[in-house]
C-alpha atoms as a PDB file:
ATOM      1  CA  MET A   1      74.783 199.215  97.472  1.00  0.00           C
ATOM      2  CA  GLU A   2      77.715 199.960  99.483  1.00  0.00           C
ATOM      3  CA  TYR A   3      77.939 203.656  98.156  1.00  0.00           C
ATOM      4  CA  ARG A   4      73.968 204.284  99.410  1.00  0.00           C
ATOM      5  CA  ARG A   5      74.818 202.823 102.694  1.00  0.00           C
ATOM      6  CA  ASP A   6      77.638 205.127 102.993  1.00  0.00           C
ATOM      7  CA  ARG A   7      75.588 208.125 102.654  1.00  0.00           C
ATOM      8  CA  LEU A   8      73.015 207.320 105.012  1.00  0.00           C
ATOM      9  CA  ARG A   9      76.147 206.650 107.631  1.00  0.00           C
ATOM     10  CA  ARG A  10      76.974 210.066 106.991  1.00  0.00           C
ATOM     11  CA  VAL A  11      73.774 211.319 107.385  1.00  0.00           C
ATOM     12  CA  VAL A  12      73.352 209.610 110.807  1.00  0.00           C
ATOM     13  CA  LEU A  13      76.639 210.449 112.303  1.00  0.00           C
ATOM     14  CA  ALA A  14      75.862 214.183 111.533  1.00  0.00           C
ATOM     15  CA  ALA A  15      72.867 213.828 113.561  1.00  0.00           C
ATOM     16  CA  THR A  16      73.986 212.142 116.681  1.00  0.00           C
ATOM     17  CA  THR A  17      76.879 212.242 118.959  1.00  0.00           C
ATOM     18  CA  ALA A  18      80.028 210.114 118.461  1.00  0.00           C
ATOM     19  CA  VAL A  19      79.628 206.939 120.440  1.00  0.00           C
ATOM     20  CA  THR A  20      82.496 205.654 122.979  1.00  0.00           C
ATOM     21  CA  ALA A  21      84.007 202.406 123.099  1.00  0.00           C
ATOM     22  CA  ALA A  22      86.106 199.973 125.017  1.00  0.00           C
ATOM     23  CA  ALA A  23      89.366 199.539 124.024  1.00  0.00           C
ATOM     24  CA  LEU A  24      90.972 196.317 122.948  1.00  0.00           C
ATOM     25  CA  ALA A  25      93.472 194.614 125.431  1.00  0.00           C
ATOM     26  CA  VAL A  26      96.673 196.848 125.332  1.00  0.00           C
ATOM     27  CA  THR A  27     100.116 195.006 125.345  1.00  0.00           C
ATOM     28  CA  VAL A  28     103.026 197.008 123.928  1.00  0.00           C
ATOM     29  CA  ALA A  29     102.233 199.887 121.547  1.00  0.00           C
ATOM     30  CA  PRO A  30     104.768 199.524 118.186  1.00  0.00           C
ATOM     31  CA  ALA A  31     106.026 202.365 116.657  1.00  0.00           C
ATOM     32  CA  ALA A  32     103.724 203.336 113.641  1.00  0.00           C
ATOM     33  CA  THR A  33     106.743 204.161 111.506  1.00  0.00           C
ATOM     34  CA  ALA A  34     107.764 200.597 111.477  1.00  0.00           C
ATOM     35  CA  ALA A  35     104.987 199.570 109.118  1.00  0.00           C
ATOM     36  CA  PRO A  36     104.842 199.743 104.942  1.00  0.00           C
ATOM     37  CA  GLY A  37     103.684 203.119 103.468  1.00  0.00           C
ATOM     38  CA  ALA A  38     107.045 205.066 103.384  1.00  0.00           C
ATOM     39  CA  THR A  39     107.205 207.861 100.546  1.00  0.00           C
ATOM     40  CA  LYS A  40     110.143 206.379  98.742  1.00  0.00           C
ATOM     41  CA  ALA A  41     110.564 203.277  97.300  1.00  0.00           C
ATOM     42  CA  PRO A  42     113.238 201.021  95.731  1.00  0.00           C
ATOM     43  CA  THR A  43     112.937 200.408  92.082  1.00  0.00           C
ATOM     44  CA  VAL A  44     110.071 197.813  91.803  1.00  0.00           C
ATOM     45  CA  LYS A  45     108.310 196.111  88.824  1.00  0.00           C
ATOM     46  CA  LEU A  46     104.348 195.683  88.733  1.00  0.00           C
ATOM     47  CA  ALA A  47     103.389 192.241  87.376  1.00  0.00           C
ATOM     48  CA  ASP A  48     101.464 192.422  84.212  1.00  0.00           C
ATOM     49  CA  ARG A  49      97.468 191.955  84.560  1.00  0.00           C
ATOM     50  CA  THR A  50      94.641 192.644  81.770  1.00  0.00           C
ATOM     51  CA  ALA A  51      91.346 193.288  82.406  1.00  0.00           C
ATOM     52  CA  HIS A  52      88.603 191.143  80.521  1.00  0.00           C
ATOM     53  CA  LEU A  53      85.467 192.837  82.088  1.00  0.00           C
ATOM     54  CA  THR A  54      84.629 196.406  83.281  1.00  0.00           C
ATOM     55  CA  PRO A  55      82.766 196.834  86.400  1.00  0.00           C
ATOM     56  CA  THR A  56      79.778 198.930  86.301  1.00  0.00           C
ATOM     57  CA  ALA A  57      80.474 202.565  88.071  1.00  0.00           C
ATOM     58  CA  GLU A  58      78.788 202.949  91.438  1.00  0.00           C
ATOM     59  CA  GLY A  59      80.692 205.345  93.431  1.00  0.00           C
ATOM     60  CA  GLY A  60      81.417 205.589  96.612  1.00  0.00           C
ATOM     61  CA  VAL A  61      83.119 202.991  98.541  1.00  0.00           C
ATOM     62  CA  SER A  62      83.223 199.129  97.947  1.00  0.00           C
ATOM     63  CA  THR A  63      84.857 197.037 100.407  1.00  0.00           C
ATOM     64  CA  ARG A  64      86.248 193.772  99.730  1.00  0.00           C
ATOM     65  CA  THR A  65      89.320 191.576 100.449  1.00  0.00           C
ATOM     66  CA  ALA A  66      90.146 188.157  99.782  1.00  0.00           C
ATOM     67  CA  GLY A  67      93.813 187.691 101.873  1.00  0.00           C
ATOM     68  CA  SER A  68      91.711 187.250 105.220  1.00  0.00           C
ATOM     69  CA  GLY A  69      88.284 186.650 104.086  1.00  0.00           C
ATOM     70  CA  SER A  70      86.217 189.300 101.959  1.00  0.00           C
ATOM     71  CA  ARG A  71      85.104 192.600 103.262  1.00  0.00           C
ATOM     72  CA  SER A  72      84.420 194.568 106.268  1.00  0.00           C
ATOM     73  CA  GLY A  73      80.745 195.903 106.492  1.00  0.00           C
ATOM     74  CA  ASP A  74      77.876 196.889 108.844  1.00  0.00           C
ATOM     75  CA  PHE A  75      76.521 193.639 111.199  1.00  0.00           C
ATOM     76  CA  THR A  76      74.944 196.141 113.751  1.00  0.00           C
ATOM     77  CA  THR A  77      72.635 197.896 111.316  1.00  0.00           C
ATOM     78  CA  ASP A  78      73.931 201.179 112.440  1.00  0.00           C
ATOM     79  CA  LEU A  79      75.305 202.062 109.095  1.00  0.00           C
ATOM     80  CA  THR A  80      79.174 201.744 109.925  1.00  0.00           C
ATOM     81  CA  PRO A  81      81.612 199.019 108.833  1.00  0.00           C
ATOM     82  CA  ASP A  82      82.308 196.281 111.653  1.00  0.00           C
ATOM     83  CA  ILE A  83      84.996 193.865 111.363  1.00  0.00           C
ATOM     84  CA  LEU A  84      84.153 190.015 110.997  1.00  0.00           C
ATOM     85  CA  ALA A  85      86.845 187.454 112.328  1.00  0.00           C
ATOM     86  CA  ARG A  86      87.203 183.813 113.491  1.00  0.00           C
ATOM     87  CA  ASN A  87      89.223 182.932 116.499  1.00  0.00           C
ATOM     88  CA  ALA A  88      91.737 180.645 115.783  1.00  0.00           C
ATOM     89  CA  SER A  89      91.791 178.443 118.941  1.00  0.00           C
ATOM     90  CA  ASN A  90      87.888 177.360 118.907  1.00  0.00           C
ATOM     91  CA  GLY A  91      86.373 178.483 115.947  1.00  0.00           C
ATOM     92  CA  GLN A  92      83.971 181.032 116.917  1.00  0.00           C
ATOM     93  CA  LEU A  93      82.750 183.675 114.719  1.00  0.00           C
ATOM     94  CA  LYS A  94      82.608 187.194 116.204  1.00  0.00           C
ATOM     95  CA  VAL A  95      82.133 190.626 115.102  1.00  0.00           C
ATOM     96  CA  TYR A  96      84.125 193.785 116.637  1.00  0.00           C
ATOM     97  CA  PRO A  97      81.486 196.543 116.291  1.00  0.00           C
ATOM     98  CA  HIS A  98      82.454 199.953 115.083  1.00  0.00           C
ATOM     99  CA  SER A  99      81.944 202.491 117.754  1.00  0.00           C
ATOM    100  CA  GLY A 100      80.920 205.283 115.598  1.00  0.00           C
ATOM    101  CA  ALA A 101      84.049 206.956 115.964  1.00  0.00           C
ATOM    102  CA  TYR A 102      87.807 206.667 114.669  1.00  0.00           C
ATOM    103  CA  SER A 103      89.730 206.835 117.858  1.00  0.00           C
ATOM    104  CA  GLY A 104      92.826 204.636 118.059  1.00  0.00           C
ATOM    105  CA  THR A 105      91.972 201.464 119.871  1.00  0.00           C
ATOM    106  CA  ALA A 106      88.516 202.425 120.441  1.00  0.00           C
ATOM    107  CA  THR A 107      87.802 202.653 116.909  1.00  0.00           C
ATOM    108  CA  PHE A 108      86.239 198.887 117.314  1.00  0.00           C
ATOM    109  CA  GLN A 109      84.623 197.684 120.640  1.00  0.00           C
ATOM    110  CA  PRO A 110      85.401 194.206 122.015  1.00  0.00           C
ATOM    111  CA  GLY A 111      84.242 191.008 119.746  1.00  0.00           C
ATOM    112  CA  VAL A 112      80.592 189.455 120.075  1.00  0.00           C
ATOM    113  CA  THR A 113      80.328 185.913 119.174  1.00  0.00           C
ATOM    114  CA  ILE A 114      77.631 185.403 116.490  1.00  0.00           C
ATOM    115  CA  ASN A 115      78.537 181.548 115.760  1.00  0.00           C
ATOM    116  CA  TYR A 116      80.386 178.454 116.798  1.00  0.00           C
ATOM    117  CA  GLY A 117      82.063 175.752 114.886  1.00  0.00           C
ATOM    118  CA  TRP A 118      83.762 177.434 112.158  1.00  0.00           C
ATOM    119  CA  GLY A 119      87.015 175.856 112.558  1.00  0.00           C
ATOM    120  CA  GLY A 120      87.214 173.875 109.388  1.00  0.00           C
ATOM    121  CA  MET A 121      86.218 176.581 106.808  1.00  0.00           C
ATOM    122  CA  ARG A 122      88.409 177.231 104.179  1.00  0.00           C
ATOM    123  CA  TRP A 123      87.185 180.551 103.287  1.00  0.00           C
ATOM    124  CA  ILE A 124      84.875 183.074 105.104  1.00  0.00           C
ATOM    125  CA  GLY A 125      83.761 185.977 103.921  1.00  0.00           C
ATOM    126  CA  GLN A 126      80.980 188.776 104.076  1.00  0.00           C
ATOM    127  CA  GLY A 127      78.883 190.755 101.582  1.00  0.00           C
ATOM    128  CA  ASP A 128      75.197 191.782 100.897  1.00  0.00           C
ATOM    129  CA  LEU A 129      74.503 188.624  99.086  1.00  0.00           C
ATOM    130  CA  THR A 130      70.538 188.859  99.524  1.00  0.00           C
ATOM    131  CA  GLY A 131      70.423 192.452  97.901  1.00  0.00           C
ATOM    132  CA  ASP A 132      68.512 193.333 101.670  1.00  0.00           C
ATOM    133  CA  GLY A 133      71.020 196.169 102.535  1.00  0.00           C
ATOM    134  CA  ARG A 134      72.576 193.820 105.401  1.00  0.00           C
ATOM    135  CA  ASN A 135      75.724 191.973 105.598  1.00  0.00           C
ATOM    136  CA  ASP A 136      75.614 187.958 105.195  1.00  0.00           C
ATOM    137  CA  VAL A 137      78.420 185.630 105.607  1.00  0.00           C
ATOM    138  CA  ALA A 138      79.601 183.415 102.991  1.00  0.00           C
ATOM    139  CA  TYR A 139      81.815 180.337 103.445  1.00  0.00           C
ATOM    140  CA  ILE A 140      83.358 177.404 101.619  1.00  0.00           C
ATOM    141  CA  ASP A 141      84.124 174.167 103.952  1.00  0.00           C
ATOM    142  CA  ALA A 142      86.846 171.676 103.194  1.00  0.00           C
ATOM    143  CA  GLY A 143      85.081 169.654 100.519  1.00  0.00           C
ATOM    144  CA  GLY A 144      84.709 172.656  98.399  1.00  0.00           C
ATOM    145  CA  VAL A 145      80.712 173.437  99.242  1.00  0.00           C
ATOM    146  CA  LEU A 146      79.839 177.326  99.162  1.00  0.00           C
ATOM    147  CA  ARG A 147      77.304 178.272 101.772  1.00  0.00           C
ATOM    148  CA  LEU A 148      75.268 181.686 102.786  1.00  0.00           C
ATOM    149  CA  ALA A 149      74.278 182.560 106.392  1.00  0.00           C
ATOM    150  CA  ALA A 150      72.066 185.241 105.620  1.00  0.00           C
ATOM    151  CA  HIS A 151      71.750 188.219 108.293  1.00  0.00           C
ATOM    152  CA  SER A 152      68.520 187.790 110.563  1.00  0.00           C
ATOM    153  CA  GLY A 153      67.570 191.494 110.153  1.00  0.00           C
ATOM    154  CA  VAL A 154      68.460 191.647 113.806  1.00  0.00           C
ATOM    155  CA  TRP A 155      72.018 192.068 115.714  1.00  0.00           C
ATOM    156  CA  ASP A 156      71.403 189.872 118.520  1.00  0.00           C
ATOM    157  CA  GLY A 157      74.445 187.568 119.308  1.00  0.00           C
ATOM    158  CA  THR A 158      74.125 183.955 118.174  1.00  0.00           C
ATOM    159  CA  ASN A 159      70.810 185.357 116.415  1.00  0.00           C
ATOM    160  CA  THR A 160      72.462 187.547 114.003  1.00  0.00           C
ATOM    161  CA  LEU A 161      72.335 184.921 111.412  1.00  0.00           C
ATOM    162  CA  LEU A 162      70.218 182.576 109.471  1.00  0.00           C
ATOM    163  CA  SER A 163      71.127 178.653 109.366  1.00  0.00           C
ATOM    164  CA  GLY A 164      73.685 178.037 106.377  1.00  0.00           C
ATOM    165  CA  GLU A 165      72.021 177.686 102.960  1.00  0.00           C
ATOM    166  CA  VAL A 166      74.114 175.388 100.125  1.00  0.00           C
ATOM    167  CA  ILE A 167      74.717 177.967  97.345  1.00  0.00           C
ATOM    168  CA  GLY A 168      77.662 176.277  95.246  1.00  0.00           C
ATOM    169  CA  THR A 169      79.829 173.222  95.091  1.00  0.00           C
ATOM    170  CA  GLY A 170      83.273 172.469  93.568  1.00  0.00           C
ATOM    171  CA  TRP A 171      84.949 175.944  95.057  1.00  0.00           C
ATOM    172  CA  ASN A 172      87.883 174.385  95.911  1.00  0.00           C
ATOM    173  CA  ILE A 173      89.222 174.910  92.311  1.00  0.00           C
ATOM    174  CA  ASN A 174      89.659 178.555  93.524  1.00  0.00           C
ATOM    175  CA  ASP A 175      92.571 179.781  95.992  1.00  0.00           C
ATOM    176  CA  MET A 176      91.205 183.396  96.506  1.00  0.00           C
ATOM    177  CA  VAL A 177      87.816 184.264  96.764  1.00  0.00           C
ATOM    178  CA  PHE A 178      86.184 187.954  97.339  1.00  0.00           C
ATOM    179  CA  THR A 179      83.215 189.883  96.894  1.00  0.00           C
ATOM    180  CA  ASP A 180      82.316 192.905  94.816  1.00  0.00           C
ATOM    181  CA  ASP A 181      79.095 194.196  93.406  1.00  0.00           C
ATOM    182  CA  TRP A 182      80.248 194.286  90.209  1.00  0.00           C
ATOM    183  CA  ASP A 183      77.400 195.384  88.353  1.00  0.00           C
ATOM    184  CA  ALA A 184      76.027 197.442  90.539  1.00  0.00           C
ATOM    185  CA  ASP A 185      72.787 195.611  91.143  1.00  0.00           C
ATOM    186  CA  GLY A 186      72.619 195.700  94.854  1.00  0.00           C
ATOM    187  CA  PHE A 187      73.606 192.086  95.049  1.00  0.00           C
ATOM    188  CA  ASP A 188      77.335 191.196  95.886  1.00  0.00           C
ATOM    189  CA  ASP A 189      79.134 189.338  93.176  1.00  0.00           C
ATOM    190  CA  ILE A 190      81.998 186.682  94.039  1.00  0.00           C
ATOM    191  CA  LEU A 191      84.969 186.851  92.273  1.00  0.00           C
ATOM    192  CA  ALA A 192      87.866 183.673  92.617  1.00  0.00           C
ATOM    193  CA  ARG A 193      91.260 183.286  91.682  1.00  0.00           C
ATOM    194  CA  ARG A 194      91.526 179.882  89.892  1.00  0.00           C
ATOM    195  CA  ALA A 195      94.281 177.805  91.763  1.00  0.00           C
ATOM    196  CA  GLY A 196      97.706 177.462  89.826  1.00  0.00           C
ATOM    197  CA  THR A 197      96.874 180.570  87.766  1.00  0.00           C
ATOM    198  CA  GLY A 198      96.590 184.247  87.698  1.00  0.00           C
ATOM    199  CA  ASP A 199      92.923 184.005  86.391  1.00  0.00           C
ATOM    200  CA  VAL A 200      90.162 185.673  88.167  1.00  0.00           C
ATOM    201  CA  TYR A 201      86.554 185.037  87.460  1.00  0.00           C
ATOM    202  CA  MET A 202      83.536 186.957  88.245  1.00  0.00           C
ATOM    203  CA  TYR A 203      80.566 184.918  89.108  1.00  0.00           C
ATOM    204  CA  ARG A 204      77.396 187.074  88.969  1.00  0.00           C
ATOM    205  CA  ASN A 205      74.889 187.086  91.653  1.00  0.00           C
ATOM    206  CA  SER A 206      71.423 186.183  89.924  1.00  0.00           C
ATOM    207  CA  GLY A 207      69.474 187.061  92.889  1.00  0.00           C
ATOM    208  CA  LEU A 208      67.797 183.881  92.619  1.00  0.00           C
ATOM    209  CA  GLY A 209      69.252 182.072  95.918  1.00  0.00           C
ATOM    210  CA  GLY A 210      69.924 178.609  96.378  1.00  0.00           C
ATOM    211  CA  LEU A 211      71.968 176.807  93.841  1.00  0.00           C
ATOM    212  CA  SER A 212      70.772 179.236  91.587  1.00  0.00           C
ATOM    213  CA  SER A 213      72.512 182.116  93.191  1.00  0.00           C
ATOM    214  CA  PHE A 214      75.248 182.540  90.675  1.00  0.00           C
ATOM    215  CA  GLN A 215      75.642 182.721  87.014  1.00  0.00           C
ATOM    216  CA  ALA A 216      78.481 180.912  85.166  1.00  0.00           C
ATOM    217  CA  PRO A 217      82.161 182.541  85.721  1.00  0.00           C
ATOM    218  CA  LEU A 218      83.303 184.769  83.121  1.00  0.00           C
ATOM    219  CA  LEU A 219      86.718 185.600  83.150  1.00  0.00           C
ATOM    220  CA  ALA A 220      87.928 188.937  84.755  1.00  0.00           C
ATOM    221  CA  ILE A 221      91.443 189.438  85.295  1.00  0.00           C
ATOM    222  CA  SER A 222      94.715 187.666  83.622  1.00  0.00           C
ATOM    223  CA  GLY A 223      97.293 188.367  86.086  1.00  0.00           C
ATOM    224  CA  PRO A 224     100.387 186.902  87.646  1.00  0.00           C
ATOM    225  CA  ASP A 225      99.733 183.741  90.163  1.00  0.00           C
ATOM    226  CA  ASP A 226     101.639 185.087  93.004  1.00  0.00           C
ATOM    227  CA  ASP A 227      99.591 188.064  94.334  1.00  0.00           C
ATOM    228  CA  VAL A 228      99.032 187.112  98.486  1.00  0.00           C
ATOM    229  CA  THR A 229      96.001 189.581  98.483  1.00  0.00           C
ATOM    230  CA  LEU A 230      93.554 190.718  96.301  1.00  0.00           C
ATOM    231  CA  THR A 231      90.529 192.990  96.877  1.00  0.00           C
ATOM    232  CA  MET A 232      88.517 195.552  95.351  1.00  0.00           C
ATOM    233  CA  GLY A 233      87.425 198.997  96.365  1.00  0.00           C
ATOM    234  CA  ASP A 234      87.304 202.587  94.349  1.00  0.00           C
ATOM    235  CA  PHE A 235      90.922 203.835  95.200  1.00  0.00           C
ATOM    236  CA  THR A 236      91.171 206.127  92.344  1.00  0.00           C
ATOM    237  CA  ASN A 237      88.455 207.965  93.065  1.00  0.00           C
ATOM    238  CA  ASP A 238      86.517 207.538  89.547  1.00  0.00           C
ATOM    239  CA  ALA A 239      83.485 205.830  91.041  1.00  0.00           C
ATOM    240  CA  THR A 240      84.586 202.567  89.592  1.00  0.00           C
ATOM    241  CA  THR A 241      85.772 199.930  91.788  1.00  0.00           C
ATOM    242  CA  ASP A 242      89.589 199.041  91.545  1.00  0.00           C
ATOM    243  CA  LEU A 243      91.439 195.798  91.906  1.00  0.00           C
ATOM    244  CA  LEU A 244      94.085 196.552  95.072  1.00  0.00           C
ATOM    245  CA  PHE A 245      96.568 193.770  95.084  1.00  0.00           C
ATOM    246  CA  VAL A 246      99.748 192.784  97.157  1.00  0.00           C
ATOM    247  CA  GLN A 247     102.571 191.112  95.201  1.00  0.00           C
ATOM    248  CA  SER A 248     104.904 188.068  96.810  1.00  0.00           C
ATOM    249  CA  ASN A 249     107.773 191.009  96.956  1.00  0.00           C
ATOM    250  CA  GLY A 250     105.536 193.350  99.337  1.00  0.00           C
ATOM    251  CA  VAL A 251     104.784 195.928  96.682  1.00  0.00           C
ATOM    252  CA  MET A 252     100.993 196.867  97.123  1.00  0.00           C
ATOM    253  CA  GLY A 253      99.208 198.428  93.789  1.00  0.00           C
ATOM    254  CA  VAL A 254      95.900 199.753  92.324  1.00  0.00           C
ATOM    255  CA  PHE A 255      94.773 198.493  88.969  1.00  0.00           C
ATOM    256  CA  ASN A 256      92.027 200.554  87.255  1.00  0.00           C
ATOM    257  CA  PHE A 257      89.627 198.448  84.912  1.00  0.00           C
ATOM    258  CA  VAL A 258      88.669 201.589  82.919  1.00  0.00           C
ATOM    259  CA  THR A 259      92.219 202.578  81.901  1.00  0.00           C
ATOM    260  CA  ASP A 260      93.930 199.040  82.149  1.00  0.00           C
ATOM    261  CA  GLU A 261      96.809 200.953  84.476  1.00  0.00           C
ATOM    262  CA  MET A 262      98.296 199.884  87.458  1.00  0.00           C
ATOM    263  CA  TRP A 263     100.041 201.958  90.181  1.00  0.00           C
ATOM    264  CA  SER A 264     102.187 200.779  92.840  1.00  0.00           C
ATOM    265  CA  ILE A 265     100.989 202.601  96.378  1.00  0.00           C
ATOM    266  CA  GLY A 266     103.191 201.141  99.070  1.00  0.00           C
ATOM    267  CA  TYR A 267     106.054 198.645  99.576  1.00  0.00           C
ATOM    268  CA  GLY A 268     107.252 196.581 102.502  1.00  0.00           C
ATOM    269  CA  TRP A 269     103.745 194.831 102.980  1.00  0.00           C
ATOM    270  CA  GLN A 270     105.376 191.658 103.570  1.00  0.00           C
ATOM    271  CA  ILE A 271     105.404 192.600 107.260  1.00  0.00           C
ATOM    272  CA  ILE A 272     101.647 192.423 107.125  1.00  0.00           C
ATOM    273  CA  ASN A 273      99.822 189.028 107.180  1.00  0.00           C
ATOM    274  CA  ALA A 274      96.327 189.992 107.133  1.00  0.00           C
ATOM    275  CA  ILE A 275      94.455 192.415 105.309  1.00  0.00           C
ATOM    276  CA  THR A 276      90.938 194.041 105.086  1.00  0.00           C
ATOM    277  CA  ILE A 277      89.471 197.361 103.521  1.00  0.00           C
ATOM    278  CA  ALA A 278      86.816 199.513 105.096  1.00  0.00           C
ATOM    279  CA  ASP A 279      85.857 203.123 105.359  1.00  0.00           C
ATOM    280  CA  VAL A 280      87.294 203.033 109.064  1.00  0.00           C
ATOM    281  CA  ASN A 281      87.145 206.922 109.349  1.00  0.00           C
ATOM    282  CA  LEU A 282      83.675 207.103 108.083  1.00  0.00           C
ATOM    283  CA  ASP A 283      84.547 210.061 105.680  1.00  0.00           C
ATOM    284  CA  GLY A 284      83.229 208.051 102.467  1.00  0.00           C
ATOM    285  CA  VAL A 285      86.598 206.939 101.118  1.00  0.00           C
ATOM    286  CA  ILE A 286      88.226 203.514 101.271  1.00  0.00           C
ATOM    287  CA  ASP A 287      90.819 202.777 103.658  1.00  0.00           C
ATOM    288  CA  VAL A 288      93.370 199.578 104.526  1.00  0.00           C
ATOM    289  CA  LEU A 289      93.718 197.749 107.643  1.00  0.00           C
ATOM    290  CA  GLY A 290      96.300 195.533 108.401  1.00  0.00           C
ATOM    291  CA  ARG A 291      97.712 193.070 110.935  1.00  0.00           C
ATOM    292  CA  ARG A 292     101.476 193.432 111.814  1.00  0.00           C
ATOM    293  CA  ALA A 293     103.166 189.994 112.160  1.00  0.00           C
ATOM    294  CA  SER A 294     106.058 191.298 114.295  1.00  0.00           C
ATOM    295  CA  ASP A 295     103.427 192.352 117.332  1.00  0.00           C
ATOM    296  CA  ASN A 296      99.968 191.384 116.128  1.00  0.00           C
ATOM    297  CA  ALA A 297      99.222 195.255 116.090  1.00  0.00           C
ATOM    298  CA  LEU A 298      96.020 196.138 113.963  1.00  0.00           C
ATOM    299  CA  LEU A 299      96.854 199.254 111.765  1.00  0.00           C
ATOM    300  CA  SER A 300      94.611 201.495 110.015  1.00  0.00           C
ATOM    301  CA  TYR A 301      96.142 203.059 106.692  1.00  0.00           C
ATOM    302  CA  THR A 302      93.444 205.642 106.026  1.00  0.00           C
ATOM    303  CA  HIS A 303      92.961 206.973 101.972  1.00  0.00           C
ATOM    304  CA  THR A 304      94.087 210.610 101.834  1.00  0.00           C
ATOM    305  CA  GLY A 305      90.943 211.577  99.760  1.00  0.00           C
ATOM    306  CA  THR A 306      93.309 212.069  96.777  1.00  0.00           C
ATOM    307  CA  TRP A 307      94.341 210.170  93.768  1.00  0.00           C
ATOM    308  CA  ALA A 308      97.407 211.617  92.581  1.00  0.00           C
ATOM    309  CA  PRO A 309      99.397 208.808  90.576  1.00  0.00           C
ATOM    310  CA  ASN A 310     103.113 209.839  89.136  1.00  0.00           C
ATOM    311  CA  PRO A 311     103.238 208.805  85.484  1.00  0.00           C
ATOM    312  CA  ALA A 312     106.886 208.953  85.470  1.00  0.00           C
ATOM    313  CA  ASN A 313     107.574 205.972  87.660  1.00  0.00           C
ATOM    314  CA  GLY A 314     103.848 204.503  88.190  1.00  0.00           C
ATOM    315  CA  THR A 315     103.367 205.431  91.907  1.00  0.00           C
ATOM    316  CA  ALA A 316     100.774 206.929  93.932  1.00  0.00           C
ATOM    317  CA  TYR A 317     102.516 206.913  97.417  1.00  0.00           C
ATOM    318  CA  THR A 318     100.366 209.611  98.393  1.00  0.00           C
ATOM    319  CA  THR A 319      97.256 207.566  98.695  1.00  0.00           C
ATOM    320  CA  LEU A 320      97.533 206.312 102.155  1.00  0.00           C
ATOM    321  CA  ASN A 321      98.202 208.157 105.257  1.00  0.00           C
ATOM    322  CA  ALA A 322     100.882 206.817 107.685  1.00  0.00           C
ATOM    323  CA  PRO A 323      99.608 203.997 109.912  1.00  0.00           C
ATOM    324  CA  VAL A 324      97.279 204.433 113.186  1.00  0.00           C
ATOM    325  CA  VAL A 325      97.334 201.490 115.619  1.00  0.00           C
ATOM    326  CA  ILE A 326      93.446 200.534 116.469  1.00  0.00           C
ATOM    327  CA  GLY A 327      94.076 197.511 118.007  1.00  0.00           C
ATOM    328  CA  PHE A 328      96.278 194.739 119.686  1.00  0.00           C
ATOM    329  CA  ASN A 329      96.673 190.769 120.058  1.00  0.00           C
ATOM    330  CA  TRP A 330      95.069 190.306 116.775  1.00  0.00           C
ATOM    331  CA  HIS A 331      96.854 186.772 116.519  1.00  0.00           C
ATOM    332  CA  ILE A 332      94.077 185.102 118.214  1.00  0.00           C
ATOM    333  CA  ASN A 333      91.869 185.445 114.807  1.00  0.00           C
ATOM    334  CA  ASN A 334      92.687 183.805 112.010  1.00  0.00           C
ATOM    335  CA  VAL A 335      90.440 185.357 109.759  1.00  0.00           C
ATOM    336  CA  ILE A 336      90.042 189.314 109.734  1.00  0.00           C
ATOM    337  CA  THR A 337      87.557 190.832 107.184  1.00  0.00           C
END
């Protein structure tokens, strides 16, 4: 679904003028060179991992993350990716609409509250779980109950989401959760890492809804248990979604399910304390967004559009461009997705 929405997005953007938007509050602009993404890295080792399943080729953009939530996608129904966030102090759920133009701190408009009382949720993510082409919100409460607040079909503040529906129980056995349309059937599936292990399971979306929403889990990936971020998107430009991971040593890497190969695409990512991915510059290729811990600035690392790994040292440092500041004061949110 995501690649089809991306093609529609490009048509819409070509036919309309860019939309301007109010910038987020500005404090002190940090130096972009202080962030990870340099072209030369120290010697690092990528932890071993093995694919047990291969996702269906879907092409285009698949935007998912786990470290902060799930994915960045369209809530405002304008075919551009918005950011979903939870306010740390009051538990309000907010959407930062994409302005329609990639333009520094004007890329995203100020946050709009769409719901209340989300402070106690262990995990909040988004994806098209109902197969209607609109982004829904999935969340896990303190008791491990998985619920779905489906998109109402309209972008209208607190009327944007429908009431939460229980779609699963026992989800506290997992310590990372993220979404991806693994089988390219138009329904986002859920992937989750079993706590205390490096095993990631895929829960295929049945399309039936309710407690029958997901089939029994299948082992998808075996790997280390100390990844701090797991997310999925097509970074290698082979029309199949890849695993993007950040290791505890700050190395960012990409794992390709088709070739069972890994490459490092950056290092020093321990200075980033929240990550989500989205096609932020609307060019049809997946990008990385990260919040820098030192100053709470939100940075975008756009994809160069090329995938050119160096087989001699297992790196692909040409994948991401230098960071651009797109927001400030993002410490007010403890979920960014």
